[in-house]
């Protein structure tokens, strides 16, 4: 991702992992038509299994208003659904192997003064990637990152809320969709 970021020449960057896709052929045009001059544009993500069967929307829906505080109760916008002005970005922190995207997004969001909710589905997410294959390591990294931004005690309390929401979602749907 750092190599791609270093080679990027456009005004905005979007990171898609292997298997992920932009939602539709007109999505990029629709994103930038949603509002002028955003620092960050974001939207919803639809989840797909390995056979490209839709699993529906992610468990975390995109918040109406997004800023760097928005991830305190979970990553409610996937990185595949966030277009960030390149001038706000820094290289990914290589100390993180599985959750560097959270740290990267939070750094950009802290610098941003105009974050736009497109109110659109903007990405297709293929489940089963590296952060799912190394789920426990990914969760530990996420906890460390969120503690860095929000503080250890608030993060512990927030994770109680996250766990309760996850359990409630699982009971209703028999899957987590995250």
N, C-alpha and C. Protein backbone atom coordinates (compact mmCIF):
# COMPACT_ATOMS: atom_id res chain seq x y z
N UNK A 1 0.82 -1.19 0.00
CA UNK A 1 0.00 0.00 0.00
C UNK A 1 0.87 1.26 0.00
N UNK A 2 1.98 1.20 0.72
CA UNK A 2 2.88 2.36 0.71
C UNK A 2 3.49 2.58 -0.67
N UNK A 3 3.81 1.50 -1.36
CA UNK A 3 4.35 1.64 -2.72
C UNK A 3 3.31 2.28 -3.63
N UNK A 4 2.07 1.84 -3.54
CA UNK A 4 1.00 2.42 -4.34
C UNK A 4 0.78 3.88 -4.00
N UNK A 5 0.81 4.21 -2.72
CA UNK A 5 0.63 5.59 -2.29
C UNK A 5 1.75 6.48 -2.82
N UNK A 6 2.98 5.96 -2.82
CA UNK A 6 4.12 6.74 -3.33
C UNK A 6 4.01 6.97 -4.84
N UNK A 7 3.39 6.04 -5.55
CA UNK A 7 3.24 6.17 -7.00
C UNK A 7 1.98 6.96 -7.41
N UNK A 8 1.06 7.17 -6.48
CA UNK A 8 -0.20 7.84 -6.80
C UNK A 8 0.05 9.27 -7.26
N UNK A 9 -0.68 9.69 -8.28
CA UNK A 9 -0.54 11.04 -8.81
C UNK A 9 -1.86 11.81 -8.80
N UNK A 10 -2.97 11.14 -8.53
CA UNK A 10 -4.27 11.80 -8.53
C UNK A 10 -4.51 12.62 -7.28
N UNK A 11 -5.63 13.27 -7.24
CA UNK A 11 -5.99 14.11 -6.09
C UNK A 11 -6.47 13.28 -4.91
N UNK A 12 -7.04 12.09 -5.18
CA UNK A 12 -7.60 11.24 -4.14
C UNK A 12 -7.03 9.83 -4.27
N UNK A 13 -7.03 9.11 -3.15
CA UNK A 13 -6.62 7.71 -3.16
C UNK A 13 -7.74 6.85 -2.57
N UNK A 14 -7.79 5.64 -3.07
CA UNK A 14 -8.74 4.63 -2.61
C UNK A 14 -7.99 3.31 -2.65
N UNK A 15 -8.03 2.57 -1.56
CA UNK A 15 -7.36 1.28 -1.51
C UNK A 15 -8.38 0.15 -1.58
N UNK A 16 -8.19 -0.70 -2.57
CA UNK A 16 -9.02 -1.88 -2.73
C UNK A 16 -8.10 -3.09 -2.59
N UNK A 17 -8.53 -4.06 -1.81
CA UNK A 17 -7.76 -5.28 -1.65
C UNK A 17 -8.10 -6.26 -2.77
N UNK A 18 -7.31 -7.30 -2.89
CA UNK A 18 -7.56 -8.34 -3.87
C UNK A 18 -8.96 -8.90 -3.65
N UNK A 19 -9.75 -8.93 -4.70
CA UNK A 19 -11.11 -9.44 -4.60
C UNK A 19 -12.16 -8.38 -4.36
N UNK A 20 -11.78 -7.22 -3.83
CA UNK A 20 -12.73 -6.15 -3.60
C UNK A 20 -12.96 -5.39 -4.90
N UNK A 21 -14.10 -4.72 -4.98
CA UNK A 21 -14.44 -3.99 -6.21
C UNK A 21 -15.13 -2.68 -5.89
N UNK A 22 -14.99 -1.74 -6.82
CA UNK A 22 -15.82 -0.54 -6.78
C UNK A 22 -17.24 -1.01 -7.08
N UNK A 23 -18.22 -0.44 -6.42
CA UNK A 23 -19.57 -0.99 -6.42
C UNK A 23 -20.20 -1.10 -7.81
N UNK A 24 -20.10 -0.07 -8.63
CA UNK A 24 -20.71 -0.09 -9.96
C UNK A 24 -19.87 0.77 -10.90
N UNK A 25 -20.16 0.69 -12.19
CA UNK A 25 -19.35 1.43 -13.16
C UNK A 25 -19.42 2.94 -12.99
N UNK A 26 -20.50 3.46 -12.45
CA UNK A 26 -20.63 4.91 -12.28
C UNK A 26 -20.35 5.38 -10.85
N UNK A 27 -19.88 4.49 -9.99
CA UNK A 27 -19.68 4.81 -8.58
C UNK A 27 -18.71 5.98 -8.38
N UNK A 28 -17.56 5.95 -9.02
CA UNK A 28 -16.56 7.00 -8.79
C UNK A 28 -17.13 8.36 -9.19
N UNK A 29 -17.78 8.44 -10.33
CA UNK A 29 -18.39 9.71 -10.75
C UNK A 29 -19.47 10.14 -9.76
N UNK A 30 -20.26 9.20 -9.28
CA UNK A 30 -21.32 9.52 -8.31
C UNK A 30 -20.74 10.00 -6.98
N UNK A 31 -19.64 9.40 -6.56
CA UNK A 31 -19.00 9.82 -5.31
C UNK A 31 -18.62 11.29 -5.38
N UNK A 32 -17.93 11.67 -6.44
CA UNK A 32 -17.45 13.06 -6.53
C UNK A 32 -18.55 14.04 -6.92
N UNK A 33 -19.66 13.54 -7.46
CA UNK A 33 -20.81 14.40 -7.75
C UNK A 33 -21.65 14.65 -6.50
N UNK A 34 -21.42 13.88 -5.44
CA UNK A 34 -22.25 13.99 -4.24
C UNK A 34 -22.05 15.30 -3.49
N UNK A 35 -20.89 15.91 -3.61
CA UNK A 35 -20.62 17.20 -2.96
C UNK A 35 -19.28 17.72 -3.49
N UNK A 36 -19.15 19.03 -3.60
CA UNK A 36 -17.88 19.57 -4.10
C UNK A 36 -16.81 19.63 -3.00
N UNK A 37 -15.58 19.46 -3.38
CA UNK A 37 -14.41 19.78 -2.55
C UNK A 37 -14.31 19.04 -1.23
N UNK A 38 -14.72 17.79 -1.18
CA UNK A 38 -14.54 17.05 0.06
C UNK A 38 -13.08 16.66 0.26
N UNK A 39 -12.65 16.62 1.52
CA UNK A 39 -11.33 16.08 1.84
C UNK A 39 -11.39 14.56 1.82
N UNK A 40 -12.51 14.04 2.32
CA UNK A 40 -12.75 12.60 2.39
C UNK A 40 -14.19 12.36 1.96
N UNK A 41 -14.39 11.36 1.11
CA UNK A 41 -15.73 10.90 0.72
C UNK A 41 -15.86 9.47 1.22
N UNK A 42 -17.03 9.12 1.73
CA UNK A 42 -17.23 7.75 2.20
C UNK A 42 -18.66 7.29 1.93
N UNK A 43 -18.84 5.98 1.98
CA UNK A 43 -20.17 5.41 1.77
C UNK A 43 -20.26 4.02 2.36
N UNK A 44 -21.22 3.28 1.88
CA UNK A 44 -21.51 1.94 2.41
C UNK A 44 -20.76 0.86 1.62
N UNK A 45 -20.65 -0.30 2.24
CA UNK A 45 -19.99 -1.46 1.64
C UNK A 45 -20.94 -2.65 1.69
N UNK A 46 -21.02 -3.37 0.57
CA UNK A 46 -21.78 -4.61 0.54
C UNK A 46 -20.79 -5.77 0.62
N UNK A 47 -21.12 -6.74 1.43
CA UNK A 47 -20.25 -7.90 1.66
C UNK A 47 -20.63 -9.04 0.71
N UNK A 48 -19.60 -9.80 0.26
CA UNK A 48 -19.80 -10.94 -0.64
C UNK A 48 -18.99 -12.12 -0.15
N UNK A 49 -19.54 -13.32 -0.37
CA UNK A 49 -18.79 -14.52 -0.02
C UNK A 49 -17.90 -14.93 -1.20
N UNK A 50 -17.19 -16.05 -1.05
CA UNK A 50 -16.22 -16.48 -2.07
C UNK A 50 -16.87 -16.85 -3.40
N UNK A 51 -18.20 -17.04 -3.43
CA UNK A 51 -18.91 -17.34 -4.67
C UNK A 51 -19.61 -16.10 -5.24
N UNK A 52 -19.31 -14.97 -4.69
CA UNK A 52 -19.91 -13.67 -5.06
C UNK A 52 -21.42 -13.65 -4.83
N UNK A 53 -21.84 -14.31 -3.75
CA UNK A 53 -23.21 -14.19 -3.27
C UNK A 53 -23.22 -13.05 -2.26
N UNK A 54 -24.17 -12.16 -2.39
CA UNK A 54 -24.25 -11.03 -1.47
C UNK A 54 -24.60 -11.50 -0.07
N UNK A 55 -23.88 -10.97 0.91
CA UNK A 55 -24.17 -11.20 2.33
C UNK A 55 -24.85 -9.98 2.93
N UNK A 56 -25.10 -8.97 2.09
CA UNK A 56 -25.76 -7.75 2.55
C UNK A 56 -24.77 -6.71 3.04
N UNK A 57 -25.31 -5.70 3.63
CA UNK A 57 -24.52 -4.58 4.14
C UNK A 57 -23.68 -5.03 5.33
N UNK A 58 -22.54 -4.37 5.50
CA UNK A 58 -21.71 -4.64 6.68
C UNK A 58 -22.52 -4.41 7.94
N UNK A 59 -22.15 -5.12 8.99
CA UNK A 59 -22.82 -4.94 10.30
C UNK A 59 -22.69 -3.50 10.76
N UNK A 60 -21.53 -2.92 10.56
CA UNK A 60 -21.33 -1.51 10.91
C UNK A 60 -21.81 -0.65 9.75
N UNK A 61 -22.86 0.08 9.93
CA UNK A 61 -23.30 0.99 8.87
C UNK A 61 -22.51 2.29 8.98
N UNK A 62 -22.30 2.92 7.85
CA UNK A 62 -21.57 4.19 7.84
C UNK A 62 -22.36 5.23 8.64
N UNK A 63 -21.68 5.97 9.49
CA UNK A 63 -22.39 6.99 10.28
C UNK A 63 -22.82 8.15 9.39
N UNK A 64 -23.85 8.84 9.81
CA UNK A 64 -24.29 10.01 9.05
C UNK A 64 -23.17 11.04 8.95
N UNK A 65 -22.47 11.26 10.05
CA UNK A 65 -21.33 12.18 10.08
C UNK A 65 -20.12 11.40 10.56
N UNK A 66 -19.02 11.53 9.85
CA UNK A 66 -17.81 10.78 10.15
C UNK A 66 -16.68 11.75 10.49
N UNK A 67 -15.96 11.44 11.56
CA UNK A 67 -14.71 12.13 11.88
C UNK A 67 -13.81 11.12 12.59
N UNK A 68 -12.68 11.58 13.10
CA UNK A 68 -11.73 10.62 13.66
C UNK A 68 -12.25 9.94 14.93
N UNK A 69 -13.30 10.47 15.54
CA UNK A 69 -13.90 9.83 16.71
C UNK A 69 -14.83 8.68 16.33
N UNK A 70 -15.18 8.58 15.06
CA UNK A 70 -16.21 7.64 14.61
C UNK A 70 -15.85 6.17 14.79
N UNK A 71 -14.59 5.82 14.89
CA UNK A 71 -14.19 4.42 15.01
C UNK A 71 -14.15 3.93 16.45
N UNK A 72 -14.50 4.76 17.41
CA UNK A 72 -14.36 4.33 18.80
C UNK A 72 -15.25 3.14 19.16
N UNK A 73 -16.34 2.93 18.41
CA UNK A 73 -17.20 1.76 18.64
C UNK A 73 -17.11 0.75 17.51
N UNK A 74 -16.02 0.77 16.78
CA UNK A 74 -15.80 -0.18 15.70
C UNK A 74 -15.55 0.54 14.38
N UNK A 75 -14.98 -0.18 13.44
CA UNK A 75 -14.65 0.40 12.14
C UNK A 75 -15.92 0.44 11.30
N UNK A 76 -16.68 1.53 11.44
CA UNK A 76 -17.98 1.62 10.80
C UNK A 76 -17.93 2.03 9.33
N UNK A 77 -16.77 2.30 8.80
CA UNK A 77 -16.57 2.53 7.37
C UNK A 77 -15.35 1.71 6.96
N UNK A 78 -15.52 0.85 5.99
CA UNK A 78 -14.37 0.04 5.56
C UNK A 78 -13.45 0.88 4.68
N UNK A 79 -12.19 0.53 4.66
CA UNK A 79 -11.25 1.35 3.88
C UNK A 79 -11.56 1.31 2.39
N UNK A 80 -12.23 0.27 1.93
CA UNK A 80 -12.61 0.19 0.52
C UNK A 80 -13.68 1.22 0.16
N UNK A 81 -14.28 1.83 1.14
CA UNK A 81 -15.37 2.78 0.94
C UNK A 81 -14.98 4.21 1.30
N UNK A 82 -13.67 4.48 1.37
CA UNK A 82 -13.20 5.81 1.75
C UNK A 82 -12.23 6.34 0.71
N UNK A 83 -12.60 7.46 0.11
CA UNK A 83 -11.73 8.18 -0.82
C UNK A 83 -11.11 9.33 -0.04
N UNK A 84 -9.79 9.38 0.02
CA UNK A 84 -9.10 10.39 0.83
C UNK A 84 -8.24 11.27 -0.07
N UNK A 85 -8.33 12.56 0.15
CA UNK A 85 -7.49 13.50 -0.60
C UNK A 85 -6.03 13.13 -0.33
N UNK A 86 -5.29 12.93 -1.39
CA UNK A 86 -3.91 12.44 -1.27
C UNK A 86 -3.05 13.35 -0.41
N UNK A 87 -3.30 14.65 -0.43
CA UNK A 87 -2.50 15.59 0.36
C UNK A 87 -2.67 15.38 1.86
N UNK A 88 -3.71 14.66 2.29
CA UNK A 88 -3.94 14.39 3.72
C UNK A 88 -3.29 13.10 4.18
N UNK A 89 -2.78 12.31 3.25
CA UNK A 89 -2.31 10.98 3.60
C UNK A 89 -0.84 10.97 3.99
N UNK A 90 -0.50 9.98 4.77
CA UNK A 90 0.88 9.66 5.14
C UNK A 90 1.07 8.18 4.84
N UNK A 91 2.28 7.69 4.79
CA UNK A 91 2.48 6.25 4.58
C UNK A 91 1.85 5.42 5.70
N UNK A 92 1.47 4.21 5.36
CA UNK A 92 0.95 3.27 6.36
C UNK A 92 2.04 2.97 7.37
N UNK A 93 1.66 2.84 8.63
CA UNK A 93 2.60 2.49 9.69
C UNK A 93 2.88 0.99 9.60
N UNK A 94 4.12 0.64 9.27
CA UNK A 94 4.47 -0.76 9.04
C UNK A 94 4.59 -1.58 10.33
N UNK A 95 4.40 -0.93 11.48
CA UNK A 95 4.35 -1.69 12.73
C UNK A 95 3.08 -2.54 12.79
N UNK A 96 2.09 -2.15 12.03
CA UNK A 96 0.83 -2.88 12.01
C UNK A 96 0.76 -3.75 10.76
N UNK A 97 0.53 -5.04 10.95
CA UNK A 97 0.48 -5.96 9.82
C UNK A 97 -0.92 -6.15 9.26
N UNK A 98 -1.95 -6.06 10.12
CA UNK A 98 -3.29 -6.44 9.72
C UNK A 98 -4.31 -5.30 9.81
N UNK A 99 -4.03 -4.28 10.59
CA UNK A 99 -5.02 -3.23 10.83
C UNK A 99 -4.46 -1.83 10.59
N UNK A 100 -3.43 -1.75 9.78
CA UNK A 100 -2.82 -0.45 9.50
C UNK A 100 -3.80 0.51 8.84
N UNK A 101 -4.82 -0.03 8.17
CA UNK A 101 -5.81 0.84 7.52
C UNK A 101 -6.56 1.70 8.52
N UNK A 102 -6.83 1.18 9.70
CA UNK A 102 -7.55 1.95 10.72
C UNK A 102 -6.69 3.15 11.15
N UNK A 103 -5.44 2.90 11.46
CA UNK A 103 -4.53 3.97 11.85
C UNK A 103 -4.40 5.01 10.74
N UNK A 104 -4.27 4.55 9.51
CA UNK A 104 -4.10 5.43 8.35
C UNK A 104 -5.32 6.32 8.15
N UNK A 105 -6.51 5.75 8.25
CA UNK A 105 -7.74 6.52 8.09
C UNK A 105 -7.89 7.54 9.21
N UNK A 106 -7.61 7.13 10.44
CA UNK A 106 -7.74 8.05 11.57
C UNK A 106 -6.78 9.23 11.44
N UNK A 107 -5.58 8.99 10.99
CA UNK A 107 -4.62 10.09 10.79
C UNK A 107 -5.15 11.09 9.76
N UNK A 108 -5.69 10.59 8.65
CA UNK A 108 -6.23 11.48 7.62
C UNK A 108 -7.47 12.20 8.12
N UNK A 109 -8.34 11.50 8.83
CA UNK A 109 -9.57 12.12 9.34
C UNK A 109 -9.27 13.23 10.34
N UNK A 110 -8.21 13.07 11.13
CA UNK A 110 -7.84 14.13 12.09
C UNK A 110 -7.43 15.41 11.37
N UNK A 111 -6.90 15.29 10.16
CA UNK A 111 -6.46 16.46 9.39
C UNK A 111 -7.58 17.08 8.55
N UNK A 112 -8.64 16.34 8.36
CA UNK A 112 -9.69 16.75 7.43
C UNK A 112 -10.64 17.77 8.03
N UNK A 113 -11.09 18.69 7.18
CA UNK A 113 -12.09 19.67 7.61
C UNK A 113 -13.41 19.50 6.86
N UNK A 114 -13.47 18.61 5.87
CA UNK A 114 -14.68 18.44 5.08
C UNK A 114 -14.83 16.98 4.67
N UNK A 115 -15.58 16.22 5.46
CA UNK A 115 -15.80 14.81 5.19
C UNK A 115 -17.24 14.63 4.72
N UNK A 116 -17.39 13.98 3.57
CA UNK A 116 -18.68 13.89 2.89
C UNK A 116 -19.22 12.46 2.91
N UNK A 117 -20.44 12.31 3.43
CA UNK A 117 -21.16 11.05 3.34
C UNK A 117 -21.87 11.05 1.99
N UNK A 118 -21.51 10.12 1.13
CA UNK A 118 -22.11 10.07 -0.20
C UNK A 118 -23.52 9.48 -0.18
N UNK A 119 -23.86 8.78 0.90
CA UNK A 119 -25.14 8.06 1.02
C UNK A 119 -25.31 7.04 -0.11
N UNK A 120 -24.20 6.46 -0.56
CA UNK A 120 -24.19 5.50 -1.65
C UNK A 120 -23.46 4.23 -1.23
N UNK A 121 -23.82 3.11 -1.85
CA UNK A 121 -22.96 1.94 -1.79
C UNK A 121 -21.79 2.23 -2.72
N UNK A 122 -20.58 2.14 -2.22
CA UNK A 122 -19.41 2.49 -3.03
C UNK A 122 -18.42 1.35 -3.19
N UNK A 123 -18.58 0.27 -2.42
CA UNK A 123 -17.60 -0.82 -2.50
C UNK A 123 -18.26 -2.18 -2.31
N UNK A 124 -17.65 -3.18 -2.94
CA UNK A 124 -17.98 -4.59 -2.72
C UNK A 124 -16.78 -5.21 -2.01
N UNK A 125 -17.05 -5.84 -0.89
CA UNK A 125 -16.00 -6.40 -0.03
C UNK A 125 -16.09 -7.91 -0.05
N UNK A 126 -15.03 -8.57 -0.49
CA UNK A 126 -14.96 -10.02 -0.50
C UNK A 126 -14.45 -10.50 0.86
N UNK A 127 -15.29 -11.21 1.60
CA UNK A 127 -14.91 -11.66 2.95
C UNK A 127 -13.82 -12.72 2.87
N UNK A 128 -13.07 -12.84 3.95
CA UNK A 128 -12.07 -13.89 4.04
C UNK A 128 -10.65 -13.44 3.78
N UNK A 129 -10.40 -12.15 3.78
CA UNK A 129 -9.06 -11.63 3.54
C UNK A 129 -8.12 -11.88 4.71
N UNK A 130 -6.95 -11.26 4.64
CA UNK A 130 -5.90 -11.50 5.64
C UNK A 130 -6.35 -11.13 7.05
N UNK A 131 -7.10 -10.03 7.21
CA UNK A 131 -7.51 -9.66 8.56
C UNK A 131 -8.51 -10.66 9.14
N UNK A 132 -9.21 -11.41 8.30
CA UNK A 132 -10.08 -12.49 8.78
C UNK A 132 -9.29 -13.76 9.04
N UNK A 133 -8.30 -14.04 8.19
CA UNK A 133 -7.48 -15.23 8.37
C UNK A 133 -6.63 -15.12 9.63
N UNK A 134 -6.21 -13.93 9.95
CA UNK A 134 -5.41 -13.66 11.16
C UNK A 134 -6.23 -12.81 12.12
N UNK A 135 -7.47 -13.26 12.38
CA UNK A 135 -8.46 -12.45 13.07
C UNK A 135 -8.02 -12.02 14.47
N UNK A 136 -7.48 -12.93 15.26
CA UNK A 136 -7.08 -12.57 16.62
C UNK A 136 -5.95 -11.54 16.60
N UNK A 137 -4.96 -11.73 15.76
CA UNK A 137 -3.86 -10.75 15.65
C UNK A 137 -4.40 -9.41 15.17
N UNK A 138 -5.34 -9.44 14.25
CA UNK A 138 -5.95 -8.21 13.75
C UNK A 138 -6.70 -7.48 14.86
N UNK A 139 -7.46 -8.23 15.66
CA UNK A 139 -8.20 -7.62 16.76
C UNK A 139 -7.26 -6.99 17.80
N UNK A 140 -6.16 -7.67 18.08
CA UNK A 140 -5.18 -7.11 19.03
C UNK A 140 -4.59 -5.81 18.51
N UNK A 141 -4.27 -5.78 17.21
CA UNK A 141 -3.75 -4.54 16.62
C UNK A 141 -4.79 -3.44 16.66
N UNK A 142 -6.02 -3.76 16.32
CA UNK A 142 -7.09 -2.76 16.37
C UNK A 142 -7.22 -2.18 17.77
N UNK A 143 -7.19 -3.05 18.77
CA UNK A 143 -7.30 -2.58 20.16
C UNK A 143 -6.16 -1.62 20.49
N UNK A 144 -4.95 -1.97 20.08
CA UNK A 144 -3.79 -1.13 20.33
C UNK A 144 -3.94 0.23 19.63
N UNK A 145 -4.38 0.21 18.38
CA UNK A 145 -4.57 1.46 17.62
C UNK A 145 -5.64 2.32 18.27
N UNK A 146 -6.78 1.72 18.59
CA UNK A 146 -7.87 2.50 19.18
C UNK A 146 -7.50 3.02 20.56
N UNK A 147 -6.70 2.28 21.31
CA UNK A 147 -6.22 2.78 22.60
C UNK A 147 -5.31 4.00 22.41
N UNK A 148 -4.52 3.98 21.36
CA UNK A 148 -3.63 5.11 21.06
C UNK A 148 -4.45 6.37 20.80
N UNK A 149 -5.54 6.25 20.09
CA UNK A 149 -6.34 7.43 19.73
C UNK A 149 -7.34 7.84 20.80
N UNK A 150 -7.93 6.88 21.50
CA UNK A 150 -9.03 7.20 22.40
C UNK A 150 -8.69 7.00 23.88
N UNK A 151 -7.54 6.39 24.18
CA UNK A 151 -7.15 6.12 25.56
C UNK A 151 -7.53 4.70 25.95
N UNK A 152 -6.75 4.11 26.84
CA UNK A 152 -6.95 2.71 27.23
C UNK A 152 -8.29 2.47 27.92
N UNK A 153 -8.59 3.25 28.95
CA UNK A 153 -9.83 3.02 29.71
C UNK A 153 -11.07 3.28 28.85
N UNK A 154 -11.15 4.42 28.13
CA UNK A 154 -12.31 4.59 27.26
C UNK A 154 -12.42 3.48 26.21
N UNK A 155 -11.28 3.01 25.69
CA UNK A 155 -11.31 1.94 24.70
C UNK A 155 -11.81 0.64 25.32
N UNK A 156 -11.40 0.33 26.53
CA UNK A 156 -11.92 -0.87 27.21
C UNK A 156 -13.44 -0.78 27.35
N UNK A 157 -13.94 0.37 27.79
CA UNK A 157 -15.38 0.56 27.96
C UNK A 157 -16.09 0.48 26.60
N UNK A 158 -15.50 1.10 25.60
CA UNK A 158 -16.10 1.04 24.26
C UNK A 158 -16.17 -0.39 23.75
N UNK A 159 -15.18 -1.21 24.08
CA UNK A 159 -15.17 -2.60 23.62
C UNK A 159 -16.25 -3.45 24.29
N UNK A 160 -16.69 -3.06 25.46
CA UNK A 160 -17.85 -3.74 26.07
C UNK A 160 -19.07 -3.49 25.19
N UNK A 161 -19.25 -2.25 24.78
CA UNK A 161 -20.34 -1.89 23.89
C UNK A 161 -20.22 -2.63 22.55
N UNK A 162 -19.00 -2.67 22.00
CA UNK A 162 -18.75 -3.38 20.74
C UNK A 162 -19.13 -4.85 20.87
N UNK A 163 -18.71 -5.49 21.95
CA UNK A 163 -18.99 -6.92 22.17
C UNK A 163 -20.50 -7.17 22.30
N UNK A 164 -21.19 -6.30 23.01
CA UNK A 164 -22.64 -6.46 23.16
C UNK A 164 -23.35 -6.30 21.82
N UNK A 165 -22.94 -5.32 21.04
CA UNK A 165 -23.54 -5.13 19.71
C UNK A 165 -23.27 -6.32 18.80
N UNK A 166 -22.05 -6.85 18.84
CA UNK A 166 -21.71 -8.01 18.04
C UNK A 166 -22.56 -9.21 18.43
N UNK A 167 -22.70 -9.45 19.73
CA UNK A 167 -23.50 -10.58 20.21
C UNK A 167 -24.96 -10.43 19.78
N UNK A 168 -25.49 -9.24 19.91
CA UNK A 168 -26.88 -8.98 19.52
C UNK A 168 -27.07 -9.21 18.02
N UNK A 169 -26.14 -8.73 17.21
CA UNK A 169 -26.23 -8.92 15.76
C UNK A 169 -26.15 -10.41 15.43
N UNK A 170 -25.22 -11.11 16.07
CA UNK A 170 -25.05 -12.54 15.79
C UNK A 170 -26.30 -13.34 16.16
N UNK A 171 -26.91 -13.02 17.27
CA UNK A 171 -28.13 -13.72 17.69
C UNK A 171 -29.24 -13.53 16.66
N UNK A 172 -29.35 -12.32 16.12
CA UNK A 172 -30.41 -12.03 15.14
C UNK A 172 -30.12 -12.61 13.76
N UNK A 173 -28.84 -12.61 13.33
CA UNK A 173 -28.52 -12.95 11.94
C UNK A 173 -27.69 -14.21 11.76
N UNK A 174 -27.17 -14.77 12.84
CA UNK A 174 -26.32 -15.97 12.80
C UNK A 174 -25.04 -15.76 11.99
N UNK A 175 -24.59 -14.55 11.88
CA UNK A 175 -23.30 -14.21 11.26
C UNK A 175 -22.93 -12.81 11.75
N UNK A 176 -21.66 -12.43 11.53
CA UNK A 176 -21.22 -11.13 12.03
C UNK A 176 -21.19 -10.03 10.99
N UNK A 177 -20.97 -10.37 9.72
CA UNK A 177 -20.91 -9.37 8.64
C UNK A 177 -20.01 -8.18 8.97
N UNK A 178 -18.78 -8.49 9.32
CA UNK A 178 -17.82 -7.42 9.52
C UNK A 178 -16.47 -7.78 8.97
